[in-house]
Amino acid sequence: MTEKANILDEQAIDRALTRIAHEIIERNKGIDKCILVGIKTRGAFLAKRLALKIEQFEGKKIRSGELDITLYRDDLVLKNENKEPLVQQVDIEHDVTDMKVVLVDDVLYTGRTVRAAMDAVMDLGRPASVQLAVLVDRGHRELPIRPDYVGKNIPTSSGERVVVSVEEKDGKNSVSIHSI
């Protein structure tokens, strides 16, 4: 893969997350009935950042958790040495029933990850609503899924890949487009 362009730097990512945090608060008229759920791996880190920003703005913590959707994928390819799906833990300590669940992911592409995440959330209870926050929407949907909160729309071709790097996992914060 060859990097074609750096789309977002650390400051641009922070500004996008700040805007998304404000939009979540505004749309839901506060955070009392909300749960932020980060889709592992990078979505979980972004959800933690959003939770901190929301806490700063609202003066109280928002419920949050993490979700691994590996077993819910219809195109499962990640496997361990035993050829079994590699499953990470689900870390949602709150009941999702009658709550507004805000799924957080790094890149929205075909929509399959989000569909899998919705299936996983529904297995935990029946939320009042499910909303979607993504740092990057790159288009090319295969399923009728649309984000409620978007950091940046980045039109791409199918021969490109959007790479989100986060400090917690990759040692830097950036979003770039790479040619495959």
C-alpha atoms as a PDB file:
ATOM      1  CA  MET A   1       0.000   0.000   0.000  1.00  0.00           C
ATOM      2  CA  THR A   2       1.204   3.458  -0.884  1.00  0.00           C
ATOM      3  CA  GLU A   3       0.032   6.572   0.938  1.00  0.00           C
ATOM      4  CA  LYS A   4      -1.634   8.979  -1.497  1.00  0.00           C
ATOM      5  CA  ALA A   5      -2.790  11.721   0.857  1.00  0.00           C
ATOM      6  CA  ASN A   6      -2.961  12.608   4.524  1.00  0.00           C
ATOM      7  CA  ILE A   7      -6.559  13.759   5.029  1.00  0.00           C
ATOM      8  CA  LEU A   8      -6.789  14.531   8.765  1.00  0.00           C
ATOM      9  CA  ASP A   9      -4.035  15.386  11.222  1.00  0.00           C
ATOM     10  CA  GLU A  10      -4.272  15.266  15.012  1.00  0.00           C
ATOM     11  CA  GLN A  11      -5.914  18.690  15.330  1.00  0.00           C
ATOM     12  CA  ALA A  12      -8.472  17.966  12.601  1.00  0.00           C
ATOM     13  CA  ILE A  13      -9.419  14.671  14.278  1.00  0.00           C
ATOM     14  CA  ASP A  14      -9.823  16.455  17.606  1.00  0.00           C
ATOM     15  CA  ARG A  15     -12.024  19.141  16.025  1.00  0.00           C
ATOM     16  CA  ALA A  16     -14.185  16.498  14.334  1.00  0.00           C
ATOM     17  CA  LEU A  17     -14.639  14.599  17.604  1.00  0.00           C
ATOM     18  CA  THR A  18     -15.484  17.827  19.443  1.00  0.00           C
ATOM     19  CA  ARG A  19     -18.174  18.601  16.859  1.00  0.00           C
ATOM     20  CA  ILE A  20     -19.569  15.059  17.030  1.00  0.00           C
ATOM     21  CA  ALA A  21     -19.690  15.239  20.847  1.00  0.00           C
ATOM     22  CA  HIS A  22     -21.694  18.475  20.696  1.00  0.00           C
ATOM     23  CA  GLU A  23     -24.037  16.992  18.073  1.00  0.00           C
ATOM     24  CA  ILE A  24     -24.680  13.888  20.210  1.00  0.00           C
ATOM     25  CA  ILE A  25     -25.559  16.050  23.218  1.00  0.00           C
ATOM     26  CA  GLU A  26     -27.784  18.347  21.164  1.00  0.00           C
ATOM     27  CA  ARG A  27     -29.666  15.652  19.272  1.00  0.00           C
ATOM     28  CA  ASN A  28     -30.349  13.617  22.422  1.00  0.00           C
ATOM     29  CA  LYS A  29     -31.148  16.662  24.601  1.00  0.00           C
ATOM     30  CA  GLY A  30     -28.411  15.666  27.014  1.00  0.00           C
ATOM     31  CA  ILE A  31     -26.900  12.282  27.802  1.00  0.00           C
ATOM     32  CA  ASP A  32     -29.174  10.819  30.490  1.00  0.00           C
ATOM     33  CA  LYS A  33     -30.507   7.995  28.306  1.00  0.00           C
ATOM     34  CA  CYS A  34     -27.411   7.520  26.119  1.00  0.00           C
ATOM     35  CA  ILE A  35     -24.704   4.885  25.913  1.00  0.00           C
ATOM     36  CA  LEU A  36     -21.613   5.284  23.714  1.00  0.00           C
ATOM     37  CA  VAL A  37     -20.495   1.922  22.335  1.00  0.00           C
ATOM     38  CA  GLY A  38     -17.157   1.781  20.538  1.00  0.00           C
ATOM     39  CA  ILE A  39     -16.687  -0.910  17.906  1.00  0.00           C
ATOM     40  CA  LYS A  40     -13.299  -2.534  18.493  1.00  0.00           C
ATOM     41  CA  THR A  41     -10.600  -1.705  17.773  1.00  0.00           C
ATOM     42  CA  ARG A  42     -10.215   1.931  16.732  1.00  0.00           C
ATOM     43  CA  GLY A  43     -13.880   2.795  17.269  1.00  0.00           C
ATOM     44  CA  ALA A  44     -13.436   1.885  20.929  1.00  0.00           C
ATOM     45  CA  PHE A  45     -10.582   4.388  21.279  1.00  0.00           C
ATOM     46  CA  LEU A  46     -12.613   7.079  19.511  1.00  0.00           C
ATOM     47  CA  ALA A  47     -15.602   6.361  21.795  1.00  0.00           C
ATOM     48  CA  LYS A  48     -13.391   6.897  24.851  1.00  0.00           C
ATOM     49  CA  ARG A  49     -12.272  10.255  23.465  1.00  0.00           C
ATOM     50  CA  LEU A  50     -15.880  11.230  22.759  1.00  0.00           C
ATOM     51  CA  ALA A  51     -16.874  10.198  26.292  1.00  0.00           C
ATOM     52  CA  LEU A  52     -14.191  12.483  27.757  1.00  0.00           C
ATOM     53  CA  LYS A  53     -15.317  15.404  25.613  1.00  0.00           C
ATOM     54  CA  ILE A  54     -18.969  14.868  26.503  1.00  0.00           C
ATOM     55  CA  GLU A  55     -18.065  14.696  30.193  1.00  0.00           C
ATOM     56  CA  GLN A  56     -16.220  18.021  29.864  1.00  0.00           C
ATOM     57  CA  PHE A  57     -19.230  19.654  28.182  1.00  0.00           C
ATOM     58  CA  GLU A  58     -21.972  18.131  30.357  1.00  0.00           C
ATOM     59  CA  GLY A  59     -20.161  17.921  33.692  1.00  0.00           C
ATOM     60  CA  LYS A  60     -21.037  14.234  34.116  1.00  0.00           C
ATOM     61  CA  LYS A  61     -19.961  10.918  32.670  1.00  0.00           C
ATOM     62  CA  ILE A  62     -21.794   9.283  29.803  1.00  0.00           C
ATOM     63  CA  ARG A  63     -22.349   5.540  29.957  1.00  0.00           C
ATOM     64  CA  SER A  64     -19.980   3.756  27.600  1.00  0.00           C
ATOM     65  CA  GLY A  65     -18.720   0.377  26.525  1.00  0.00           C
ATOM     66  CA  GLU A  66     -16.937  -1.573  23.821  1.00  0.00           C
ATOM     67  CA  LEU A  67     -18.175  -4.162  21.406  1.00  0.00           C
ATOM     68  CA  ASP A  68     -16.368  -6.841  19.424  1.00  0.00           C
ATOM     69  CA  ILE A  69     -18.493  -7.824  16.431  1.00  0.00           C
ATOM     70  CA  THR A  70     -16.235 -10.592  15.104  1.00  0.00           C
ATOM     71  CA  LEU A  71     -18.765 -13.424  15.483  1.00  0.00           C
ATOM     72  CA  TYR A  72     -21.513 -11.297  13.960  1.00  0.00           C
ATOM     73  CA  ARG A  73     -19.673 -10.628  10.713  1.00  0.00           C
ATOM     74  CA  ASP A  74     -21.044 -12.245   7.563  1.00  0.00           C
ATOM     75  CA  ASP A  75     -17.604 -11.991   5.943  1.00  0.00           C
ATOM     76  CA  LEU A  76     -15.527 -13.312   8.844  1.00  0.00           C
ATOM     77  CA  VAL A  77     -11.857 -13.559   7.890  1.00  0.00           C
ATOM     78  CA  LEU A  78      -9.937 -12.875  11.128  1.00  0.00           C
ATOM     79  CA  LYS A  79      -8.992 -16.231  12.622  1.00  0.00           C
ATOM     80  CA  ASN A  80      -6.572 -17.503  15.240  1.00  0.00           C
ATOM     81  CA  GLU A  81      -4.101 -20.347  14.831  1.00  0.00           C
ATOM     82  CA  ASN A  82      -6.887 -22.940  15.406  1.00  0.00           C
ATOM     83  CA  LYS A  83      -8.861 -21.491  12.466  1.00  0.00           C
ATOM     84  CA  GLU A  84     -11.531 -20.294  14.906  1.00  0.00           C
ATOM     85  CA  PRO A  85     -12.827 -16.714  14.958  1.00  0.00           C
ATOM     86  CA  LEU A  86     -10.667 -14.443  17.075  1.00  0.00           C
ATOM     87  CA  VAL A  87     -13.076 -13.025  19.643  1.00  0.00           C
ATOM     88  CA  GLN A  88     -12.350 -10.090  21.894  1.00  0.00           C
ATOM     89  CA  GLN A  89     -14.474  -9.279  24.901  1.00  0.00           C
ATOM     90  CA  VAL A  90     -17.714  -7.328  24.997  1.00  0.00           C
ATOM     91  CA  ASP A  91     -17.426  -4.660  27.648  1.00  0.00           C
ATOM     92  CA  ILE A  92     -20.832  -3.048  28.104  1.00  0.00           C
ATOM     93  CA  GLU A  93     -21.738  -2.877  31.780  1.00  0.00           C
ATOM     94  CA  HIS A  94     -25.025  -1.052  31.224  1.00  0.00           C
ATOM     95  CA  ASP A  95     -28.393  -2.411  30.166  1.00  0.00           C
ATOM     96  CA  VAL A  96     -29.132  -1.163  26.655  1.00  0.00           C
ATOM     97  CA  THR A  97     -32.885  -1.660  26.985  1.00  0.00           C
ATOM     98  CA  ASP A  98     -34.754   1.609  26.331  1.00  0.00           C
ATOM     99  CA  MET A  99     -31.442   3.489  25.966  1.00  0.00           C
ATOM    100  CA  LYS A 100     -30.169   5.525  23.010  1.00  0.00           C
ATOM    101  CA  VAL A 101     -27.137   3.551  21.874  1.00  0.00           C
ATOM    102  CA  VAL A 102     -24.567   5.524  19.885  1.00  0.00           C
ATOM    103  CA  LEU A 103     -22.280   3.149  17.983  1.00  0.00           C
ATOM    104  CA  VAL A 104     -18.845   4.656  17.301  1.00  0.00           C
ATOM    105  CA  ASP A 105     -16.516   3.457  14.534  1.00  0.00           C
ATOM    106  CA  ASP A 106     -13.536   4.829  12.676  1.00  0.00           C
ATOM    107  CA  VAL A 107     -14.513   4.282   9.020  1.00  0.00           C
ATOM    108  CA  LEU A 108     -17.897   3.570   7.442  1.00  0.00           C
ATOM    109  CA  TYR A 109     -17.474   1.700   4.178  1.00  0.00           C
ATOM    110  CA  THR A 110     -19.822  -1.109   3.103  1.00  0.00           C
ATOM    111  CA  GLY A 111     -21.953  -1.004   6.246  1.00  0.00           C
ATOM    112  CA  ARG A 112     -21.319  -4.631   7.191  1.00  0.00           C
ATOM    113  CA  THR A 113     -19.458  -3.799  10.405  1.00  0.00           C
ATOM    114  CA  VAL A 114     -22.310  -1.562  11.535  1.00  0.00           C
ATOM    115  CA  ARG A 115     -24.913  -4.213  10.691  1.00  0.00           C
ATOM    116  CA  ALA A 116     -22.950  -6.724  12.759  1.00  0.00           C
ATOM    117  CA  ALA A 117     -22.688  -4.238  15.639  1.00  0.00           C
ATOM    118  CA  MET A 118     -26.457  -3.644  15.568  1.00  0.00           C
ATOM    119  CA  ASP A 119     -27.028  -7.410  15.731  1.00  0.00           C
ATOM    120  CA  ALA A 120     -24.688  -7.649  18.732  1.00  0.00           C
ATOM    121  CA  VAL A 121     -26.425  -4.765  20.517  1.00  0.00           C
ATOM    122  CA  MET A 122     -29.858  -6.319  19.893  1.00  0.00           C
ATOM    123  CA  ASP A 123     -28.610  -9.513  21.543  1.00  0.00           C
ATOM    124  CA  LEU A 124     -27.979  -7.439  24.697  1.00  0.00           C
ATOM    125  CA  GLY A 125     -31.441  -5.865  24.846  1.00  0.00           C
ATOM    126  CA  ARG A 126     -33.874  -3.630  22.986  1.00  0.00           C
ATOM    127  CA  PRO A 127     -32.571  -0.064  22.800  1.00  0.00           C
ATOM    128  CA  ALA A 128     -34.898   2.901  22.266  1.00  0.00           C
ATOM    129  CA  SER A 129     -32.742   3.811  19.258  1.00  0.00           C
ATOM    130  CA  VAL A 130     -29.391   3.073  17.678  1.00  0.00           C
ATOM    131  CA  GLN A 131     -27.363   5.947  16.263  1.00  0.00           C
ATOM    132  CA  LEU A 132     -24.070   5.860  14.400  1.00  0.00           C
ATOM    133  CA  ALA A 133     -21.048   8.133  14.778  1.00  0.00           C
ATOM    134  CA  VAL A 134     -18.077   7.675  12.436  1.00  0.00           C
ATOM    135  CA  LEU A 135     -14.868   9.601  12.033  1.00  0.00           C
ATOM    136  CA  VAL A 136     -14.806   8.955   8.266  1.00  0.00           C
ATOM    137  CA  ASP A 137     -17.558   8.077   5.788  1.00  0.00           C
ATOM    138  CA  ARG A 138     -15.928   6.892   2.572  1.00  0.00           C
ATOM    139  CA  GLY A 139     -19.023   5.764   0.679  1.00  0.00           C
ATOM    140  CA  HIS A 140     -19.438   2.478  -1.253  1.00  0.00           C
ATOM    141  CA  ARG A 141     -22.304   1.159   0.888  1.00  0.00           C
ATOM    142  CA  GLU A 142     -23.549  -2.373   0.291  1.00  0.00           C
ATOM    143  CA  LEU A 143     -26.275  -2.056   2.938  1.00  0.00           C
ATOM    144  CA  PRO A 144     -28.764   0.785   3.570  1.00  0.00           C
ATOM    145  CA  ILE A 145     -26.872   2.288   6.510  1.00  0.00           C
ATOM    146  CA  ARG A 146     -26.340   6.009   7.041  1.00  0.00           C
ATOM    147  CA  PRO A 147     -24.375   7.660   9.856  1.00  0.00           C
ATOM    148  CA  ASP A 148     -26.000  10.187  12.178  1.00  0.00           C
ATOM    149  CA  TYR A 149     -22.694  11.892  13.008  1.00  0.00           C
ATOM    150  CA  VAL A 150     -19.750  12.179  10.597  1.00  0.00           C
ATOM    151  CA  GLY A 151     -16.322  13.667  11.207  1.00  0.00           C
ATOM    152  CA  LYS A 152     -15.464  13.886   7.507  1.00  0.00           C
ATOM    153  CA  ASN A 153     -16.853  12.551   4.237  1.00  0.00           C
ATOM    154  CA  ILE A 154     -14.010  11.305   2.056  1.00  0.00           C
ATOM    155  CA  PRO A 155     -15.004  10.121  -1.429  1.00  0.00           C
ATOM    156  CA  THR A 156     -12.803   7.209  -2.413  1.00  0.00           C
ATOM    157  CA  SER A 157     -12.477   4.640  -5.158  1.00  0.00           C
ATOM    158  CA  SER A 158     -12.715   0.925  -4.480  1.00  0.00           C
ATOM    159  CA  GLY A 159      -8.972   0.726  -5.209  1.00  0.00           C
ATOM    160  CA  GLU A 160      -8.184   2.905  -2.218  1.00  0.00           C
ATOM    161  CA  ARG A 161      -8.083   2.277   1.501  1.00  0.00           C
ATOM    162  CA  VAL A 162      -8.712   4.763   4.289  1.00  0.00           C
ATOM    163  CA  VAL A 163      -6.292   4.230   7.164  1.00  0.00           C
ATOM    164  CA  VAL A 164      -7.141   5.678  10.569  1.00  0.00           C
ATOM    165  CA  SER A 165      -4.276   5.750  13.043  1.00  0.00           C
ATOM    166  CA  VAL A 166      -4.888   6.457  16.725  1.00  0.00           C
ATOM    167  CA  GLU A 167      -2.261   7.253  19.337  1.00  0.00           C
ATOM    168  CA  GLU A 168      -3.433   4.491  21.666  1.00  0.00           C
ATOM    169  CA  LYS A 169      -2.849   1.734  19.086  1.00  0.00           C
ATOM    170  CA  ASP A 170      -0.617   3.172  16.361  1.00  0.00           C
ATOM    171  CA  GLY A 171       1.445   5.823  18.119  1.00  0.00           C
ATOM    172  CA  LYS A 172      -0.005   8.713  16.086  1.00  0.00           C
ATOM    173  CA  ASN A 173      -3.311  10.335  15.167  1.00  0.00           C
ATOM    174  CA  SER A 174      -4.026  10.645  11.463  1.00  0.00           C
ATOM    175  CA  VAL A 175      -6.336   9.665   8.625  1.00  0.00           C
ATOM    176  CA  SER A 176      -4.820   8.932   5.249  1.00  0.00           C
ATOM    177  CA  ILE A 177      -5.778   7.444   1.895  1.00  0.00           C
ATOM    178  CA  HIS A 178      -3.640   4.652   0.493  1.00  0.00           C
ATOM    179  CA  SER A 179      -3.720   3.004  -2.919  1.00  0.00           C
ATOM    180  CA  ILE A 180      -4.002  -0.766  -2.835  1.00  0.00           C
END
